[in-house]
Structure formats: structure tokens, C-alpha cells
């Protein structure tokens, strides 16, 4: 996953990463929101889910302490990061604010 992850976040399409865990209640609440968002922004923003238990090195590299943690990458740079459940409208407005793909 590691090489692919770097390639994905450094690409020219913005990437929203949902760091989550199977055992996390709030992550289960975030999941359908992320799915809906992915359908809405499909093609313009890549939305990926990273299980912190299966990808500990990536979680450590980005200092993920709590889940869910959502991170928006634009051309390899972290432009936004937030822990806790986010609504679809919050996420859409973040994407609009930090990228040019939704304007």
C-alpha cells in the first residue's frame, strides 16, 4: 500500500483520506457520508479509506492519533486535516475551499 499511497497523494487529483479503524464507532457513522461524498465528487477528488490497524506506518507518518481523521491532500501537500465525524456539507465546503476542482 505504501508506494501506492505516495503515488496517489502526490498525483494531480486532490485526495481526501479517511483514516479509520474497524472497531471505531464514529468511523462507522462517517463511512456512509464518505461513500456519498465519493459519488458526488467522483473524478474530481479521489476519496480513499486507510485502516490504521492495517497501515500503521502510514498512520504514524501522518501522526494519526484518533479516528476518524480526515486529511485532504492537494498535489502532495496536506491542505486540511480534522479529527471526528464530518458532515458531507462540511467536507464539500473544505474541498471547495482548498482545491480548484469544485469551483
N, C-alpha and C. Protein backbone atom coordinates (compact mmCIF):
# COMPACT_ATOMS: atom_id res chain seq x y z
N UNK A 1 0.83 -1.21 0.00
CA UNK A 1 0.00 0.00 0.00
C UNK A 1 0.87 1.26 0.00
N UNK A 2 2.00 1.21 0.68
CA UNK A 2 2.80 2.41 0.91
C UNK A 2 3.18 3.14 -0.39
N UNK A 3 3.78 2.43 -1.35
CA UNK A 3 4.17 3.06 -2.60
C UNK A 3 2.97 3.64 -3.33
N UNK A 4 1.88 2.88 -3.35
CA UNK A 4 0.66 3.34 -3.99
C UNK A 4 0.13 4.59 -3.30
N UNK A 5 0.15 4.59 -1.98
CA UNK A 5 -0.36 5.72 -1.22
C UNK A 5 0.38 6.99 -1.61
N UNK A 6 1.72 6.91 -1.64
CA UNK A 6 2.52 8.09 -2.02
C UNK A 6 2.18 8.56 -3.42
N UNK A 7 2.04 7.61 -4.32
CA UNK A 7 1.72 7.94 -5.71
C UNK A 7 0.35 8.62 -5.79
N UNK A 8 -0.61 8.09 -5.04
CA UNK A 8 -1.98 8.64 -5.05
C UNK A 8 -1.99 10.07 -4.51
N UNK A 9 -1.41 10.30 -3.32
CA UNK A 9 -1.50 11.65 -2.72
C UNK A 9 -0.63 12.67 -3.43
N UNK A 10 0.37 12.21 -4.17
CA UNK A 10 1.22 13.16 -4.91
C UNK A 10 0.74 13.40 -6.33
N UNK A 11 -0.38 12.78 -6.69
CA UNK A 11 -0.92 12.96 -8.04
C UNK A 11 -1.53 14.33 -8.22
N UNK A 12 -2.05 14.57 -9.42
CA UNK A 12 -2.59 15.91 -9.70
C UNK A 12 -4.08 16.01 -9.37
N UNK A 13 -4.66 14.94 -8.84
CA UNK A 13 -6.06 14.99 -8.38
C UNK A 13 -6.04 15.11 -6.85
N UNK A 14 -6.78 16.06 -6.27
CA UNK A 14 -6.83 16.14 -4.81
C UNK A 14 -7.33 14.81 -4.21
N UNK A 15 -6.82 14.48 -3.02
CA UNK A 15 -7.17 13.21 -2.37
C UNK A 15 -7.66 13.48 -0.95
N UNK A 16 -8.86 12.97 -0.66
CA UNK A 16 -9.36 13.00 0.71
C UNK A 16 -9.13 11.63 1.31
N UNK A 17 -8.37 11.57 2.40
CA UNK A 17 -8.07 10.31 3.05
C UNK A 17 -8.85 10.22 4.35
N UNK A 18 -9.56 9.11 4.49
CA UNK A 18 -10.31 8.82 5.72
C UNK A 18 -9.51 7.77 6.49
N UNK A 19 -8.78 8.20 7.51
CA UNK A 19 -8.08 7.26 8.39
C UNK A 19 -9.11 6.73 9.38
N UNK A 20 -9.32 5.42 9.38
CA UNK A 20 -10.37 4.83 10.20
C UNK A 20 -9.91 3.51 10.80
N UNK A 21 -10.76 2.91 11.63
CA UNK A 21 -10.50 1.58 12.20
C UNK A 21 -11.81 0.82 12.29
N UNK A 22 -11.71 -0.49 12.14
CA UNK A 22 -12.90 -1.36 12.18
C UNK A 22 -13.66 -1.23 13.50
N UNK A 23 -12.92 -1.08 14.61
CA UNK A 23 -13.52 -1.09 15.95
C UNK A 23 -14.09 0.27 16.36
N UNK A 24 -13.98 1.27 15.50
CA UNK A 24 -14.32 2.65 15.87
C UNK A 24 -15.77 2.98 15.53
N UNK A 25 -16.57 3.30 16.54
CA UNK A 25 -17.98 3.65 16.35
C UNK A 25 -18.18 4.87 15.45
N UNK A 26 -17.52 6.00 15.78
CA UNK A 26 -17.67 7.19 14.93
C UNK A 26 -17.26 6.94 13.47
N UNK A 27 -16.28 6.04 13.27
CA UNK A 27 -15.86 5.72 11.90
C UNK A 27 -17.00 5.07 11.12
N UNK A 28 -17.78 4.25 11.82
CA UNK A 28 -18.93 3.60 11.18
C UNK A 28 -19.97 4.65 10.77
N UNK A 29 -20.10 5.70 11.56
CA UNK A 29 -21.02 6.79 11.23
C UNK A 29 -20.48 7.61 10.06
N UNK A 30 -19.16 7.75 9.99
CA UNK A 30 -18.53 8.55 8.92
C UNK A 30 -18.58 7.83 7.58
N UNK A 31 -18.55 6.51 7.61
CA UNK A 31 -18.43 5.71 6.40
C UNK A 31 -19.47 6.00 5.31
N UNK A 32 -20.79 6.01 5.63
CA UNK A 32 -21.77 6.31 4.57
C UNK A 32 -21.64 7.74 4.03
N UNK A 33 -21.20 8.66 4.87
CA UNK A 33 -21.00 10.05 4.44
C UNK A 33 -19.86 10.09 3.41
N UNK A 34 -18.80 9.37 3.71
CA UNK A 34 -17.64 9.31 2.81
C UNK A 34 -18.05 8.68 1.47
N UNK A 35 -18.85 7.60 1.54
CA UNK A 35 -19.32 6.94 0.31
C UNK A 35 -20.12 7.90 -0.56
N UNK A 36 -21.05 8.61 0.07
CA UNK A 36 -21.89 9.57 -0.64
C UNK A 36 -21.04 10.69 -1.26
N UNK A 37 -20.10 11.19 -0.48
CA UNK A 37 -19.22 12.25 -0.95
C UNK A 37 -18.41 11.77 -2.15
N UNK A 38 -17.89 10.55 -2.08
CA UNK A 38 -17.08 10.00 -3.17
C UNK A 38 -17.88 9.94 -4.46
N UNK A 39 -19.16 9.58 -4.36
CA UNK A 39 -20.00 9.53 -5.55
C UNK A 39 -20.21 10.93 -6.11
N UNK A 40 -20.37 11.90 -5.23
CA UNK A 40 -20.64 13.27 -5.66
C UNK A 40 -19.43 13.95 -6.30
N UNK A 41 -18.24 13.68 -5.78
CA UNK A 41 -17.04 14.36 -6.29
C UNK A 41 -16.23 13.46 -7.21
N UNK A 42 -16.75 12.27 -7.49
CA UNK A 42 -16.04 11.29 -8.31
C UNK A 42 -15.39 11.90 -9.54
N UNK A 43 -14.13 11.55 -9.76
CA UNK A 43 -13.42 12.08 -10.91
C UNK A 43 -12.68 13.37 -10.62
N UNK A 44 -13.22 14.18 -9.72
CA UNK A 44 -12.57 15.46 -9.40
C UNK A 44 -11.68 15.34 -8.17
N UNK A 45 -12.12 14.53 -7.22
CA UNK A 45 -11.38 14.31 -5.98
C UNK A 45 -11.36 12.81 -5.73
N UNK A 46 -10.20 12.29 -5.40
CA UNK A 46 -10.11 10.88 -5.07
C UNK A 46 -10.36 10.72 -3.58
N UNK A 47 -11.20 9.77 -3.20
CA UNK A 47 -11.52 9.54 -1.80
C UNK A 47 -11.06 8.14 -1.46
N UNK A 48 -10.16 8.04 -0.48
CA UNK A 48 -9.67 6.72 -0.08
C UNK A 48 -9.78 6.53 1.42
N UNK A 49 -9.93 5.28 1.82
CA UNK A 49 -10.03 4.94 3.23
C UNK A 49 -8.78 4.15 3.61
N UNK A 50 -8.17 4.54 4.73
CA UNK A 50 -6.98 3.85 5.21
C UNK A 50 -7.30 3.29 6.60
N UNK A 51 -7.23 1.98 6.73
CA UNK A 51 -7.43 1.32 8.02
C UNK A 51 -6.12 1.46 8.80
N UNK A 52 -6.18 2.17 9.94
CA UNK A 52 -4.94 2.45 10.67
C UNK A 52 -4.31 1.19 11.26
N UNK A 53 -5.11 0.17 11.51
CA UNK A 53 -4.55 -1.07 12.06
C UNK A 53 -3.80 -1.86 10.99
N UNK A 54 -4.24 -1.76 9.75
CA UNK A 54 -3.59 -2.49 8.65
C UNK A 54 -2.49 -1.67 8.00
N UNK A 55 -2.49 -0.37 8.24
CA UNK A 55 -1.50 0.54 7.63
C UNK A 55 -0.87 1.43 8.70
N UNK A 56 -0.26 0.78 9.69
CA UNK A 56 0.26 1.52 10.85
C UNK A 56 1.36 2.51 10.47
N UNK A 57 2.20 2.14 9.50
CA UNK A 57 3.30 3.03 9.12
C UNK A 57 2.76 4.34 8.55
N UNK A 58 1.74 4.25 7.72
CA UNK A 58 1.15 5.47 7.13
C UNK A 58 0.48 6.30 8.23
N UNK A 59 -0.26 5.63 9.11
CA UNK A 59 -0.93 6.34 10.21
C UNK A 59 0.10 7.05 11.09
N UNK A 60 1.21 6.39 11.36
CA UNK A 60 2.26 7.02 12.19
C UNK A 60 2.90 8.19 11.46
N UNK A 61 3.15 8.02 10.16
CA UNK A 61 3.80 9.08 9.40
C UNK A 61 2.99 10.37 9.43
N UNK A 62 1.65 10.23 9.44
CA UNK A 62 0.79 11.41 9.45
C UNK A 62 0.27 11.71 10.85
N UNK A 63 0.88 11.05 11.85
CA UNK A 63 0.59 11.36 13.24
C UNK A 63 -0.89 11.22 13.58
N UNK A 64 -1.53 10.18 13.05
CA UNK A 64 -2.95 9.96 13.31
C UNK A 64 -3.09 9.36 14.70
N UNK A 65 -3.70 10.11 15.60
CA UNK A 65 -3.86 9.67 16.99
C UNK A 65 -5.30 9.21 17.27
N UNK A 66 -6.26 9.84 16.62
CA UNK A 66 -7.66 9.49 16.84
C UNK A 66 -8.32 9.20 15.51
N UNK A 67 -9.35 8.40 15.55
CA UNK A 67 -10.09 8.09 14.32
C UNK A 67 -11.57 8.40 14.54
N UNK A 68 -12.30 8.81 13.51
CA UNK A 68 -11.76 9.06 12.17
C UNK A 68 -10.95 10.36 12.12
N UNK A 69 -9.90 10.34 11.31
CA UNK A 69 -9.16 11.56 10.97
C UNK A 69 -9.22 11.69 9.47
N UNK A 70 -9.66 12.85 9.00
CA UNK A 70 -9.76 13.10 7.57
C UNK A 70 -8.68 14.08 7.17
N UNK A 71 -7.99 13.75 6.08
CA UNK A 71 -6.88 14.59 5.61
C UNK A 71 -7.09 14.85 4.12
N UNK A 72 -7.01 16.11 3.73
CA UNK A 72 -7.13 16.47 2.32
C UNK A 72 -5.74 16.83 1.79
N UNK A 73 -5.33 16.11 0.76
CA UNK A 73 -4.05 16.37 0.10
C UNK A 73 -4.33 17.07 -1.22
N UNK A 74 -3.53 18.06 -1.54
CA UNK A 74 -3.61 18.70 -2.85
C UNK A 74 -2.18 18.78 -3.37
N UNK A 75 -1.90 18.05 -4.46
CA UNK A 75 -0.56 17.97 -5.05
C UNK A 75 0.49 17.58 -4.01
N UNK A 76 0.15 16.58 -3.20
CA UNK A 76 1.11 16.04 -2.24
C UNK A 76 1.18 16.78 -0.91
N UNK A 77 0.55 17.94 -0.82
CA UNK A 77 0.60 18.73 0.42
C UNK A 77 -0.69 18.54 1.22
N UNK A 78 -0.55 18.48 2.54
CA UNK A 78 -1.75 18.44 3.39
C UNK A 78 -2.29 19.86 3.45
N UNK A 79 -3.51 20.05 2.97
CA UNK A 79 -4.10 21.40 2.98
C UNK A 79 -5.17 21.53 4.06
N UNK A 80 -5.63 20.38 4.58
CA UNK A 80 -6.66 20.41 5.62
C UNK A 80 -6.64 19.08 6.36
N UNK A 81 -6.94 19.13 7.65
CA UNK A 81 -6.96 17.91 8.46
C UNK A 81 -7.91 18.13 9.63
N UNK A 82 -8.71 17.11 9.92
CA UNK A 82 -9.67 17.23 11.03
C UNK A 82 -9.97 15.85 11.58
N UNK A 83 -10.05 15.76 12.90
CA UNK A 83 -10.47 14.51 13.54
C UNK A 83 -11.94 14.61 13.90
N UNK A 84 -12.59 13.46 13.96
CA UNK A 84 -14.01 13.44 14.31
C UNK A 84 -14.87 13.36 13.07
N UNK A 85 -16.14 13.04 13.30
CA UNK A 85 -17.08 12.86 12.18
C UNK A 85 -17.37 14.21 11.53
N UNK A 86 -17.31 14.24 10.20
CA UNK A 86 -17.60 15.45 9.44
C UNK A 86 -18.82 15.20 8.56
N UNK A 87 -19.68 16.20 8.42
CA UNK A 87 -20.84 16.05 7.55
C UNK A 87 -20.41 16.20 6.09
N UNK A 88 -21.28 15.75 5.19
CA UNK A 88 -20.97 15.86 3.77
C UNK A 88 -20.82 17.33 3.37
N UNK A 89 -21.70 18.19 3.89
CA UNK A 89 -21.62 19.61 3.52
C UNK A 89 -20.31 20.23 4.02
N UNK A 90 -19.86 19.84 5.22
CA UNK A 90 -18.58 20.34 5.73
C UNK A 90 -17.45 19.93 4.80
N UNK A 91 -17.48 18.65 4.40
CA UNK A 91 -16.41 18.13 3.55
C UNK A 91 -16.43 18.78 2.16
N UNK A 92 -17.62 18.99 1.61
CA UNK A 92 -17.72 19.66 0.31
C UNK A 92 -17.17 21.07 0.39
N UNK A 93 -17.48 21.77 1.47
CA UNK A 93 -17.01 23.14 1.57
C UNK A 93 -15.49 23.18 1.76
N UNK A 94 -14.93 22.20 2.46
CA UNK A 94 -13.47 22.10 2.62
C UNK A 94 -12.82 21.86 1.25
N UNK A 95 -13.40 20.95 0.48
CA UNK A 95 -12.86 20.64 -0.85
C UNK A 95 -12.91 21.89 -1.73
N UNK A 96 -14.02 22.62 -1.68
CA UNK A 96 -14.15 23.86 -2.46
C UNK A 96 -13.12 24.89 -2.02
N UNK A 97 -12.91 24.96 -0.71
CA UNK A 97 -12.03 25.98 -0.16
C UNK A 97 -10.55 25.72 -0.50
N UNK A 98 -10.14 24.45 -0.48
CA UNK A 98 -8.71 24.14 -0.60
C UNK A 98 -8.28 23.61 -1.95
N UNK A 99 -9.21 23.43 -2.87
CA UNK A 99 -8.82 22.95 -4.20
C UNK A 99 -9.54 23.80 -5.24
N UNK A 100 -9.13 23.66 -6.48
CA UNK A 100 -9.77 24.42 -7.55
C UNK A 100 -10.72 23.55 -8.35
N UNK A 101 -10.83 22.26 -8.00
CA UNK A 101 -11.60 21.33 -8.83
C UNK A 101 -13.11 21.51 -8.73
N UNK A 102 -13.61 22.10 -7.65
CA UNK A 102 -15.05 22.19 -7.44
C UNK A 102 -15.58 23.61 -7.65
N UNK A 103 -14.72 24.52 -8.08
CA UNK A 103 -15.20 25.91 -8.18
C UNK A 103 -16.02 26.16 -9.42
